[in-house]
Amino acid sequence: MGIVKINDQLHEDIRKASSVMVRSINAQAEYWIKVGMLAEANPGMTFTDIMREQMQQADIEVRQVIGG
């Protein structure tokens, strides 16, 4: 495990997002890093496409919810 240096404002943004997403600060930072890496590696995919593929790789069936 290493140390990643980030500026104070980004750390504050991660802290706020982690509260909303019910993750630790480290887990939120790791999530954003992973999504960013996947987005850079797959520039033709949307965020939704990336998440759907990750869920499929984890063998999680994702169903579309239609409200009414």
N, C-alpha and C. Protein backbone atom coordinates (compact mmCIF):
# COMPACT_ATOMS: atom_id res chain seq x y z
N MET A 1 0.85 -1.16 0.00
CA MET A 1 0.00 0.00 0.00
C MET A 1 0.90 1.22 0.00
N GLY A 2 0.49 2.23 -0.75
CA GLY A 2 1.27 3.44 -0.83
C GLY A 2 0.47 4.64 -0.38
N ILE A 3 1.11 5.76 -0.49
CA ILE A 3 0.47 7.03 -0.13
C ILE A 3 0.28 7.83 -1.40
N VAL A 4 -0.91 8.39 -1.57
CA VAL A 4 -1.21 9.23 -2.72
C VAL A 4 -1.40 10.65 -2.22
N LYS A 5 -0.66 11.58 -2.80
CA LYS A 5 -0.76 12.98 -2.39
C LYS A 5 -1.80 13.66 -3.26
N ILE A 6 -2.80 14.24 -2.63
CA ILE A 6 -3.83 14.99 -3.34
C ILE A 6 -4.00 16.34 -2.65
N ASN A 7 -4.56 17.29 -3.38
CA ASN A 7 -4.72 18.62 -2.78
C ASN A 7 -5.89 18.63 -1.79
N ASP A 8 -5.91 19.64 -0.98
CA ASP A 8 -6.91 19.72 0.10
C ASP A 8 -8.34 19.78 -0.42
N GLN A 9 -8.57 20.49 -1.53
CA GLN A 9 -9.93 20.60 -2.06
C GLN A 9 -10.43 19.26 -2.56
N LEU A 10 -9.58 18.50 -3.25
CA LEU A 10 -9.98 17.19 -3.73
C LEU A 10 -10.26 16.26 -2.54
N HIS A 11 -9.46 16.34 -1.52
CA HIS A 11 -9.70 15.52 -0.32
C HIS A 11 -11.05 15.87 0.29
N GLU A 12 -11.37 17.14 0.34
CA GLU A 12 -12.66 17.57 0.89
C GLU A 12 -13.81 17.06 0.02
N ASP A 13 -13.65 17.10 -1.30
CA ASP A 13 -14.67 16.58 -2.21
C ASP A 13 -14.86 15.08 -2.00
N ILE A 14 -13.76 14.36 -1.82
CA ILE A 14 -13.84 12.92 -1.57
C ILE A 14 -14.56 12.66 -0.25
N ARG A 15 -14.23 13.45 0.77
CA ARG A 15 -14.85 13.28 2.08
C ARG A 15 -16.37 13.48 1.97
N LYS A 16 -16.78 14.54 1.28
CA LYS A 16 -18.22 14.81 1.12
C LYS A 16 -18.91 13.70 0.34
N ALA A 17 -18.29 13.27 -0.76
CA ALA A 17 -18.88 12.21 -1.58
C ALA A 17 -18.96 10.90 -0.80
N SER A 18 -17.94 10.63 0.00
CA SER A 18 -17.95 9.37 0.77
C SER A 18 -19.11 9.34 1.75
N SER A 19 -19.47 10.49 2.28
CA SER A 19 -20.60 10.57 3.20
C SER A 19 -21.91 10.26 2.47
N VAL A 20 -22.05 10.83 1.29
CA VAL A 20 -23.27 10.61 0.50
C VAL A 20 -23.37 9.16 0.04
N MET A 21 -22.23 8.60 -0.37
CA MET A 21 -22.22 7.25 -0.93
C MET A 21 -22.04 6.16 0.12
N VAL A 22 -21.95 6.55 1.39
CA VAL A 22 -21.81 5.62 2.52
C VAL A 22 -20.59 4.71 2.31
N ARG A 23 -19.47 5.36 2.01
CA ARG A 23 -18.19 4.68 1.86
C ARG A 23 -17.18 5.39 2.74
N SER A 24 -16.11 4.69 3.05
CA SER A 24 -15.01 5.38 3.73
C SER A 24 -14.36 6.34 2.73
N ILE A 25 -13.59 7.27 3.23
CA ILE A 25 -12.89 8.20 2.34
C ILE A 25 -11.97 7.42 1.40
N ASN A 26 -11.24 6.45 1.93
CA ASN A 26 -10.35 5.66 1.09
C ASN A 26 -11.12 4.86 0.04
N ALA A 27 -12.25 4.27 0.43
CA ALA A 27 -13.05 3.51 -0.53
C ALA A 27 -13.60 4.40 -1.63
N GLN A 28 -14.00 5.64 -1.29
CA GLN A 28 -14.50 6.56 -2.30
C GLN A 28 -13.39 6.95 -3.27
N ALA A 29 -12.21 7.24 -2.75
CA ALA A 29 -11.08 7.58 -3.61
C ALA A 29 -10.73 6.40 -4.52
N GLU A 30 -10.72 5.19 -3.96
CA GLU A 30 -10.41 4.00 -4.76
C GLU A 30 -11.46 3.80 -5.85
N TYR A 31 -12.72 4.02 -5.53
CA TYR A 31 -13.80 3.89 -6.51
C TYR A 31 -13.60 4.88 -7.66
N TRP A 32 -13.35 6.15 -7.32
CA TRP A 32 -13.14 7.15 -8.36
C TRP A 32 -11.92 6.83 -9.21
N ILE A 33 -10.86 6.33 -8.60
CA ILE A 33 -9.65 5.97 -9.35
C ILE A 33 -9.97 4.83 -10.32
N LYS A 34 -10.67 3.81 -9.82
CA LYS A 34 -10.99 2.67 -10.68
C LYS A 34 -11.88 3.08 -11.85
N VAL A 35 -12.92 3.86 -11.57
CA VAL A 35 -13.83 4.30 -12.63
C VAL A 35 -13.06 5.16 -13.65
N GLY A 36 -12.19 6.02 -13.16
CA GLY A 36 -11.38 6.85 -14.07
C GLY A 36 -10.48 6.02 -14.95
N MET A 37 -9.85 5.00 -14.37
CA MET A 37 -8.99 4.12 -15.17
C MET A 37 -9.79 3.39 -16.24
N LEU A 38 -10.97 2.88 -15.85
CA LEU A 38 -11.82 2.17 -16.80
C LEU A 38 -12.31 3.11 -17.90
N ALA A 39 -12.63 4.34 -17.55
CA ALA A 39 -13.09 5.32 -18.54
C ALA A 39 -11.98 5.65 -19.53
N GLU A 40 -10.76 5.82 -19.04
CA GLU A 40 -9.64 6.11 -19.93
C GLU A 40 -9.33 4.92 -20.83
N ALA A 41 -9.46 3.72 -20.32
CA ALA A 41 -9.17 2.52 -21.10
C ALA A 41 -10.28 2.20 -22.10
N ASN A 42 -11.48 2.75 -21.87
CA ASN A 42 -12.64 2.46 -22.71
C ASN A 42 -13.35 3.76 -23.08
N PRO A 43 -12.71 4.62 -23.87
CA PRO A 43 -13.28 5.95 -24.13
C PRO A 43 -14.62 5.94 -24.85
N GLY A 44 -14.98 4.85 -25.49
CA GLY A 44 -16.26 4.79 -26.19
C GLY A 44 -17.41 4.35 -25.31
N MET A 45 -17.12 4.01 -24.05
CA MET A 45 -18.17 3.54 -23.16
C MET A 45 -18.67 4.66 -22.25
N THR A 46 -19.96 4.65 -21.99
CA THR A 46 -20.51 5.60 -21.02
C THR A 46 -20.28 5.06 -19.61
N PHE A 47 -20.52 5.91 -18.62
CA PHE A 47 -20.43 5.47 -17.23
C PHE A 47 -21.35 4.28 -16.99
N THR A 48 -22.57 4.37 -17.51
CA THR A 48 -23.55 3.29 -17.34
C THR A 48 -23.04 1.99 -17.97
N ASP A 49 -22.44 2.08 -19.16
CA ASP A 49 -21.88 0.89 -19.81
C ASP A 49 -20.78 0.27 -18.95
N ILE A 50 -19.92 1.11 -18.40
CA ILE A 50 -18.82 0.63 -17.56
C ILE A 50 -19.37 -0.07 -16.32
N MET A 51 -20.35 0.54 -15.66
CA MET A 51 -20.93 -0.06 -14.46
C MET A 51 -21.64 -1.37 -14.78
N ARG A 52 -22.37 -1.41 -15.90
CA ARG A 52 -23.07 -2.64 -16.30
C ARG A 52 -22.06 -3.76 -16.54
N GLU A 53 -20.97 -3.46 -17.23
CA GLU A 53 -19.95 -4.47 -17.50
C GLU A 53 -19.29 -4.95 -16.20
N GLN A 54 -19.00 -4.05 -15.28
CA GLN A 54 -18.40 -4.44 -14.01
C GLN A 54 -19.34 -5.34 -13.21
N MET A 55 -20.63 -5.03 -13.23
CA MET A 55 -21.61 -5.86 -12.53
C MET A 55 -21.69 -7.24 -13.17
N GLN A 56 -21.67 -7.29 -14.50
CA GLN A 56 -21.71 -8.58 -15.18
C GLN A 56 -20.48 -9.40 -14.86
N GLN A 57 -19.32 -8.77 -14.81
CA GLN A 57 -18.09 -9.49 -14.47
C GLN A 57 -18.13 -10.03 -13.05
N ALA A 58 -18.88 -9.35 -12.17
CA ALA A 58 -19.04 -9.81 -10.79
C ALA A 58 -20.21 -10.80 -10.66
N ASP A 59 -20.80 -11.16 -11.80
CA ASP A 59 -21.92 -12.10 -11.85
C ASP A 59 -23.13 -11.58 -11.07
N ILE A 60 -23.40 -10.30 -11.23
CA ILE A 60 -24.56 -9.66 -10.61
C ILE A 60 -25.54 -9.32 -11.73
N GLU A 61 -26.77 -9.80 -11.60
CA GLU A 61 -27.79 -9.51 -12.61
C GLU A 61 -28.38 -8.13 -12.33
N VAL A 62 -28.25 -7.26 -13.30
CA VAL A 62 -28.76 -5.90 -13.14
C VAL A 62 -30.04 -5.80 -13.98
N ARG A 63 -31.11 -5.43 -13.29
CA ARG A 63 -32.39 -5.26 -13.98
C ARG A 63 -32.74 -3.80 -14.03
N GLN A 64 -33.35 -3.41 -15.12
CA GLN A 64 -33.80 -2.03 -15.24
C GLN A 64 -35.09 -1.88 -14.47
N VAL A 65 -35.16 -0.84 -13.64
CA VAL A 65 -36.36 -0.58 -12.86
C VAL A 65 -37.15 0.50 -13.58
N ILE A 66 -38.40 0.19 -13.84
CA ILE A 66 -39.28 1.14 -14.50
C ILE A 66 -40.35 1.55 -13.50
N GLY A 67 -40.35 2.83 -13.15
CA GLY A 67 -41.32 3.33 -12.16
C GLY A 67 -42.66 3.61 -12.79
N GLY A 68 -43.65 3.72 -11.96
CA GLY A 68 -44.97 4.03 -12.51
C GLY A 68 -45.95 4.33 -11.45
